[in-house]
Amino acid sequence: GSVSRINAMGWYRQVPGEQRESVARI
């Protein structure tokens, strides 16, 4: 899609009973 508009990408993870958390970002 509009990949030229992307400023950053990353990974989140979510486990049962917990908030989704940021793992890594670039």
PDB file of all heavy atoms in Angstrom:
ATOM      1  N   GLY A   1       0.819  -1.189   0.000  1.00  0.00           N
ATOM      2  CA  GLY A   1       0.000   0.000   0.000  1.00  0.00           C
ATOM      3  C   GLY A   1       0.859   1.247   0.000  1.00  0.00           C
ATOM      4  O   GLY A   1       1.814   1.352  -0.768  1.00  0.00           O
ATOM      5  N   SER A   2       0.546   2.176   0.877  1.00  0.00           N
ATOM      6  CA  SER A   2       1.249   3.456   0.939  1.00  0.00           C
ATOM      7  C   SER A   2       2.520   3.334   1.767  1.00  0.00           C
ATOM      8  O   SER A   2       2.690   3.982   2.804  1.00  0.00           O
ATOM      9  CB  SER A   2       0.329   4.533   1.511  1.00  0.00           C
ATOM     10  OG  SER A   2      -0.842   4.681   0.729  1.00  0.00           O
ATOM     11  N   VAL A   3       3.432   2.513   1.298  1.00  0.00           N
ATOM     12  CA  VAL A   3       4.633   2.232   2.082  1.00  0.00           C
ATOM     13  C   VAL A   3       5.520   3.462   2.222  1.00  0.00           C
ATOM     14  O   VAL A   3       6.284   3.559   3.185  1.00  0.00           O
ATOM     15  CB  VAL A   3       5.424   1.056   1.475  1.00  0.00           C
ATOM     16  CG1 VAL A   3       4.618  -0.228   1.565  1.00  0.00           C
ATOM     17  CG2 VAL A   3       5.797   1.343   0.031  1.00  0.00           C
ATOM     18  N   SER A   4       5.433   4.404   1.284  1.00  0.00           N
ATOM     19  CA  SER A   4       6.253   5.606   1.376  1.00  0.00           C
ATOM     20  C   SER A   4       5.856   6.488   2.543  1.00  0.00           C
ATOM     21  O   SER A   4       6.628   7.368   2.936  1.00  0.00           O
ATOM     22  CB  SER A   4       6.177   6.404   0.075  1.00  0.00           C
ATOM     23  OG  SER A   4       4.863   6.871  -0.168  1.00  0.00           O
ATOM     24  N   ARG A   5       4.698   6.265   3.088  1.00  0.00           N
ATOM     25  CA  ARG A   5       4.221   7.052   4.218  1.00  0.00           C
ATOM     26  C   ARG A   5       4.585   6.455   5.568  1.00  0.00           C
ATOM     27  O   ARG A   5       4.301   7.056   6.602  1.00  0.00           O
ATOM     28  CB  ARG A   5       2.700   7.224   4.134  1.00  0.00           C
ATOM     29  CG  ARG A   5       2.235   8.060   2.943  1.00  0.00           C
ATOM     30  CD  ARG A   5       0.730   8.242   2.960  1.00  0.00           C
ATOM     31  NE  ARG A   5       0.282   9.186   1.945  1.00  0.00           N
ATOM     32  CZ  ARG A   5      -0.980   9.532   1.762  1.00  0.00           C
ATOM     33  NH1 ARG A   5      -1.929   9.003   2.531  1.00  0.00           N
ATOM     34  NH2 ARG A   5      -1.306  10.400   0.815  1.00  0.00           N
ATOM     35  N   ILE A   6       5.193   5.292   5.567  1.00  0.00           N
ATOM     36  CA  ILE A   6       5.548   4.641   6.818  1.00  0.00           C
ATOM     37  C   ILE A   6       6.737   5.356   7.456  1.00  0.00           C
ATOM     38  O   ILE A   6       7.749   5.600   6.810  1.00  0.00           O
ATOM     39  CB  ILE A   6       5.873   3.156   6.593  1.00  0.00           C
ATOM     40  CG1 ILE A   6       4.629   2.411   6.123  1.00  0.00           C
ATOM     41  CG2 ILE A   6       6.419   2.527   7.874  1.00  0.00           C
ATOM     42  CD1 ILE A   6       4.885   0.965   5.757  1.00  0.00           C
ATOM     43  N   ASN A   7       6.605   5.673   8.724  1.00  0.00           N
ATOM     44  CA  ASN A   7       7.666   6.337   9.474  1.00  0.00           C
ATOM     45  C   ASN A   7       8.421   5.386  10.397  1.00  0.00           C
ATOM     46  O   ASN A   7       9.597   5.615  10.692  1.00  0.00           O
ATOM     47  CB  ASN A   7       7.086   7.482  10.299  1.00  0.00           C
ATOM     48  CG  ASN A   7       6.421   8.528   9.444  1.00  0.00           C
ATOM     49  OD1 ASN A   7       6.990   8.991   8.458  1.00  0.00           O
ATOM     50  ND2 ASN A   7       5.204   8.912   9.815  1.00  0.00           N
ATOM     51  N   ALA A   8       7.751   4.356  10.848  1.00  0.00           N
ATOM     52  CA  ALA A   8       8.382   3.394  11.729  1.00  0.00           C
ATOM     53  C   ALA A   8       7.587   2.099  11.687  1.00  0.00           C
ATOM     54  O   ALA A   8       6.395   2.100  11.381  1.00  0.00           O
ATOM     55  CB  ALA A   8       8.460   3.916  13.166  1.00  0.00           C
ATOM     56  N   MET A   9       8.241   1.017  11.994  1.00  0.00           N
ATOM     57  CA  MET A   9       7.584  -0.272  12.093  1.00  0.00           C
ATOM     58  C   MET A   9       8.074  -0.972  13.344  1.00  0.00           C
ATOM     59  O   MET A   9       9.127  -0.636  13.891  1.00  0.00           O
ATOM     60  CB  MET A   9       7.849  -1.137  10.854  1.00  0.00           C
ATOM     61  CG  MET A   9       7.294  -0.547   9.573  1.00  0.00           C
ATOM     62  SD  MET A   9       7.500  -1.630   8.127  1.00  0.00           S
ATOM     63  CE  MET A   9       6.366  -2.968   8.554  1.00  0.00           C
ATOM     64  N   GLY A  10       7.298  -1.924  13.795  1.00  0.00           N
ATOM     65  CA  GLY A  10       7.683  -2.625  15.000  1.00  0.00           C
ATOM     66  C   GLY A  10       6.862  -3.867  15.230  1.00  0.00           C
ATOM     67  O   GLY A  10       6.059  -4.281  14.381  1.00  0.00           O
ATOM     68  N   TRP A  11       7.099  -4.449  16.375  1.00  0.00           N
ATOM     69  CA  TRP A  11       6.419  -5.662  16.790  1.00  0.00           C
ATOM     70  C   TRP A  11       5.869  -5.489  18.194  1.00  0.00           C
ATOM     71  O   TRP A  11       6.551  -4.954  19.081  1.00  0.00           O
ATOM     72  CB  TRP A  11       7.370  -6.865  16.770  1.00  0.00           C
ATOM     73  CG  TRP A  11       7.842  -7.233  15.401  1.00  0.00           C
ATOM     74  CD1 TRP A  11       8.940  -6.763  14.754  1.00  0.00           C
ATOM     75  CD2 TRP A  11       7.214  -8.160  14.514  1.00  0.00           C
ATOM     76  NE1 TRP A  11       9.044  -7.341  13.510  1.00  0.00           N
ATOM     77  CE2 TRP A  11       7.994  -8.201  13.335  1.00  0.00           C
ATOM     78  CE3 TRP A  11       6.069  -8.954  14.597  1.00  0.00           C
ATOM     79  CZ2 TRP A  11       7.668  -9.012  12.248  1.00  0.00           C
ATOM     80  CZ3 TRP A  11       5.742  -9.754  13.520  1.00  0.00           C
ATOM     81  CH2 TRP A  11       6.542  -9.777  12.368  1.00  0.00           C
ATOM     82  N   TYR A  12       4.644  -5.921  18.376  1.00  0.00           N
ATOM     83  CA  TYR A  12       4.012  -6.025  19.680  1.00  0.00           C
ATOM     84  C   TYR A  12       3.714  -7.488  19.954  1.00  0.00           C
ATOM     85  O   TYR A  12       3.697  -8.318  19.036  1.00  0.00           O
ATOM     86  CB  TYR A  12       2.699  -5.240  19.727  1.00  0.00           C
ATOM     87  CG  TYR A  12       2.829  -3.743  19.926  1.00  0.00           C
ATOM     88  CD1 TYR A  12       3.421  -2.935  18.969  1.00  0.00           C
ATOM     89  CD2 TYR A  12       2.324  -3.138  21.076  1.00  0.00           C
ATOM     90  CE1 TYR A  12       3.525  -1.567  19.149  1.00  0.00           C
ATOM     91  CE2 TYR A  12       2.413  -1.771  21.266  1.00  0.00           C
ATOM     92  CZ  TYR A  12       3.015  -0.988  20.301  1.00  0.00           C
ATOM     93  OH  TYR A  12       3.102   0.381  20.493  1.00  0.00           O
ATOM     94  N   ARG A  13       3.452  -7.782  21.213  1.00  0.00           N
ATOM     95  CA  ARG A  13       2.984  -9.121  21.549  1.00  0.00           C
ATOM     96  C   ARG A  13       1.942  -9.023  22.655  1.00  0.00           C
ATOM     97  O   ARG A  13       1.921  -8.073  23.434  1.00  0.00           O
ATOM     98  CB  ARG A  13       4.131 -10.038  21.959  1.00  0.00           C
ATOM     99  CG  ARG A  13       4.815  -9.672  23.274  1.00  0.00           C
ATOM    100  CD  ARG A  13       6.016 -10.589  23.499  1.00  0.00           C
ATOM    101  NE  ARG A  13       6.692 -10.314  24.755  1.00  0.00           N
ATOM    102  CZ  ARG A  13       7.837 -10.872  25.125  1.00  0.00           C
ATOM    103  NH1 ARG A  13       8.436 -11.756  24.322  1.00  0.00           N
ATOM    104  NH2 ARG A  13       8.385 -10.560  26.300  1.00  0.00           N
ATOM    105  N   GLN A  14       1.097 -10.023  22.709  1.00  0.00           N
ATOM    106  CA  GLN A  14       0.032 -10.048  23.688  1.00  0.00           C
ATOM    107  C   GLN A  14      -0.149 -11.467  24.203  1.00  0.00           C
ATOM    108  O   GLN A  14      -0.250 -12.416  23.425  1.00  0.00           O
ATOM    109  CB  GLN A  14      -1.277  -9.533  23.091  1.00  0.00           C
ATOM    110  CG  GLN A  14      -2.389  -9.338  24.104  1.00  0.00           C
ATOM    111  CD  GLN A  14      -3.550  -8.552  23.530  1.00  0.00           C
ATOM    112  OE1 GLN A  14      -3.772  -8.551  22.316  1.00  0.00           O
ATOM    113  NE2 GLN A  14      -4.289  -7.868  24.384  1.00  0.00           N
ATOM    114  N   VAL A  15      -0.189 -11.588  25.517  1.00  0.00           N
ATOM    115  CA  VAL A  15      -0.414 -12.874  26.170  1.00  0.00           C
ATOM    116  C   VAL A  15      -1.725 -12.790  26.937  1.00  0.00           C
ATOM    117  O   VAL A  15      -2.195 -11.702  27.280  1.00  0.00           O
ATOM    118  CB  VAL A  15       0.752 -13.245  27.106  1.00  0.00           C
ATOM    119  CG1 VAL A  15       2.055 -13.329  26.325  1.00  0.00           C
ATOM    120  CG2 VAL A  15       0.887 -12.234  28.234  1.00  0.00           C
ATOM    121  N   PRO A  16      -2.341 -13.924  27.239  1.00  0.00           N
ATOM    122  CA  PRO A  16      -3.615 -13.896  27.954  1.00  0.00           C
ATOM    123  C   PRO A  16      -3.521 -13.150  29.278  1.00  0.00           C
ATOM    124  O   PRO A  16      -2.583 -13.351  30.051  1.00  0.00           O
ATOM    125  CB  PRO A  16      -3.927 -15.373  28.172  1.00  0.00           C
ATOM    126  CG  PRO A  16      -3.230 -16.070  27.054  1.00  0.00           C
ATOM    127  CD  PRO A  16      -1.959 -15.290  26.848  1.00  0.00           C
ATOM    128  N   GLY A  17      -4.499 -12.288  29.525  1.00  0.00           N
ATOM    129  CA  GLY A  17      -4.567 -11.553  30.775  1.00  0.00           C
ATOM    130  C   GLY A  17      -3.656 -10.352  30.867  1.00  0.00           C
ATOM    131  O   GLY A  17      -3.582  -9.735  31.937  1.00  0.00           O
ATOM    132  N   GLU A  18      -2.973 -10.019  29.798  1.00  0.00           N
ATOM    133  CA  GLU A  18      -2.055  -8.898  29.835  1.00  0.00           C
ATOM    134  C   GLU A  18      -2.327  -7.942  28.680  1.00  0.00           C
ATOM    135  O   GLU A  18      -2.974  -8.288  27.696  1.00  0.00           O
ATOM    136  CB  GLU A  18      -0.604  -9.382  29.774  1.00  0.00           C
ATOM    137  CG  GLU A  18      -0.188 -10.252  30.942  1.00  0.00           C
ATOM    138  CD  GLU A  18       1.283 -10.607  30.897  1.00  0.00           C
ATOM    139  OE1 GLU A  18       2.017 -10.029  30.078  1.00  0.00           O
ATOM    140  OE2 GLU A  18       1.698 -11.469  31.693  1.00  0.00           O
ATOM    141  N   GLN A  19      -1.822  -6.729  28.842  1.00  0.00           N
ATOM    142  CA  GLN A  19      -1.917  -5.731  27.787  1.00  0.00           C
ATOM    143  C   GLN A  19      -0.978  -6.081  26.642  1.00  0.00           C
ATOM    144  O   GLN A  19       0.046  -6.732  26.839  1.00  0.00           O
ATOM    145  CB  GLN A  19      -1.560  -4.348  28.333  1.00  0.00           C
ATOM    146  CG  GLN A  19      -2.563  -3.759  29.298  1.00  0.00           C
ATOM    147  CD  GLN A  19      -3.687  -3.071  28.581  1.00  0.00           C
ATOM    148  OE1 GLN A  19      -4.717  -3.686  28.292  1.00  0.00           O
ATOM    149  NE2 GLN A  19      -3.514  -1.792  28.270  1.00  0.00           N
ATOM    150  N   ARG A  20      -1.335  -5.620  25.474  1.00  0.00           N
ATOM    151  CA  ARG A  20      -0.423  -5.734  24.355  1.00  0.00           C
ATOM    152  C   ARG A  20       0.775  -4.830  24.614  1.00  0.00           C
ATOM    153  O   ARG A  20       0.611  -3.657  24.973  1.00  0.00           O
ATOM    154  CB  ARG A  20      -1.125  -5.344  23.052  1.00  0.00           C
ATOM    155  CG  ARG A  20      -0.296  -5.582  21.811  1.00  0.00           C
ATOM    156  CD  ARG A  20      -1.088  -5.281  20.546  1.00  0.00           C
ATOM    157  NE  ARG A  20      -2.248  -6.154  20.411  1.00  0.00           N
ATOM    158  CZ  ARG A  20      -3.031  -6.180  19.334  1.00  0.00           C
ATOM    159  NH1 ARG A  20      -2.764  -5.389  18.299  1.00  0.00           N
ATOM    160  NH2 ARG A  20      -4.074  -6.995  19.295  1.00  0.00           N
ATOM    161  N   GLU A  21       1.966  -5.357  24.453  1.00  0.00           N
ATOM    162  CA  GLU A  21       3.164  -4.606  24.761  1.00  0.00           C
ATOM    163  C   GLU A  21       4.076  -4.498  23.553  1.00  0.00           C
ATOM    164  O   GLU A  21       4.139  -5.405  22.716  1.00  0.00           O
ATOM    165  CB  GLU A  21       3.931  -5.247  25.927  1.00  0.00           C
ATOM    166  CG  GLU A  21       4.514  -6.608  25.619  1.00  0.00           C
ATOM    167  CD  GLU A  21       5.464  -7.113  26.691  1.00  0.00           C
ATOM    168  OE1 GLU A  21       5.884  -6.308  27.544  1.00  0.00           O
ATOM    169  OE2 GLU A  21       5.786  -8.318  26.671  1.00  0.00           O
ATOM    170  N   SER A  22       4.777  -3.394  23.500  1.00  0.00           N
ATOM    171  CA  SER A  22       5.754  -3.187  22.448  1.00  0.00           C
ATOM    172  C   SER A  22       6.981  -4.042  22.712  1.00  0.00           C
ATOM    173  O   SER A  22       7.520  -4.050  23.823  1.00  0.00           O
ATOM    174  CB  SER A  22       6.145  -1.712  22.367  1.00  0.00           C
ATOM    175  OG  SER A  22       7.142  -1.506  21.382  1.00  0.00           O
ATOM    176  N   VAL A  23       7.417  -4.742  21.693  1.00  0.00           N
ATOM    177  CA  VAL A  23       8.593  -5.593  21.782  1.00  0.00           C
ATOM    178  C   VAL A  23       9.804  -4.925  21.150  1.00  0.00           C
ATOM    179  O   VAL A  23      10.896  -4.911  21.721  1.00  0.00           O
ATOM    180  CB  VAL A  23       8.331  -6.961  21.124  1.00  0.00           C
ATOM    181  CG1 VAL A  23       9.596  -7.810  21.107  1.00  0.00           C
ATOM    182  CG2 VAL A  23       7.206  -7.687  21.849  1.00  0.00           C
ATOM    183  N   ALA A  24       9.623  -4.390  19.962  1.00  0.00           N
ATOM    184  CA  ALA A  24      10.719  -3.769  19.233  1.00  0.00           C
ATOM    185  C   ALA A  24      10.159  -2.772  18.236  1.00  0.00           C
ATOM    186  O   ALA A  24       9.037  -2.920  17.751  1.00  0.00           O
ATOM    187  CB  ALA A  24      11.569  -4.821  18.515  1.00  0.00           C
ATOM    188  N   ARG A  25      10.956  -1.781  17.916  1.00  0.00           N
ATOM    189  CA  ARG A  25      10.552  -0.736  16.983  1.00  0.00           C
ATOM    190  C   ARG A  25      11.769  -0.263  16.213  1.00  0.00           C
ATOM    191  O   ARG A  25      12.857  -0.171  16.768  1.00  0.00           O
ATOM    192  CB  ARG A  25       9.914   0.430  17.742  1.00  0.00           C
ATOM    193  CG  ARG A  25       9.450   1.612  16.902  1.00  0.00           C
ATOM    194  CD  ARG A  25       8.779   2.642  17.797  1.00  0.00           C
ATOM    195  NE  ARG A  25       8.247   3.794  17.058  1.00  0.00           N
ATOM    196  CZ  ARG A  25       8.901   4.938  16.881  1.00  0.00           C
ATOM    197  NH1 ARG A  25      10.127   5.094  17.381  1.00  0.00           N
ATOM    198  NH2 ARG A  25       8.331   5.924  16.205  1.00  0.00           N
ATOM    199  N   ILE A  26      11.560   0.045  14.951  1.00  0.00           N
ATOM    200  CA  ILE A  26      12.628   0.592  14.136  1.00  0.00           C
ATOM    201  C   ILE A  26      12.069   1.733  13.309  1.00  0.00           C
ATOM    202  O   ILE A  26      11.013   1.622  12.697  1.00  0.00           O
ATOM    203  CB  ILE A  26      13.280  -0.497  13.250  1.00  0.00           C
ATOM    204  CG1 ILE A  26      14.484   0.075  12.494  1.00  0.00           C
ATOM    205  CG2 ILE A  26      12.275  -1.122  12.297  1.00  0.00           C
ATOM    206  CD1 ILE A  26      15.348  -1.000  11.848  1.00  0.00           C
TER     207      ILE A  26
END
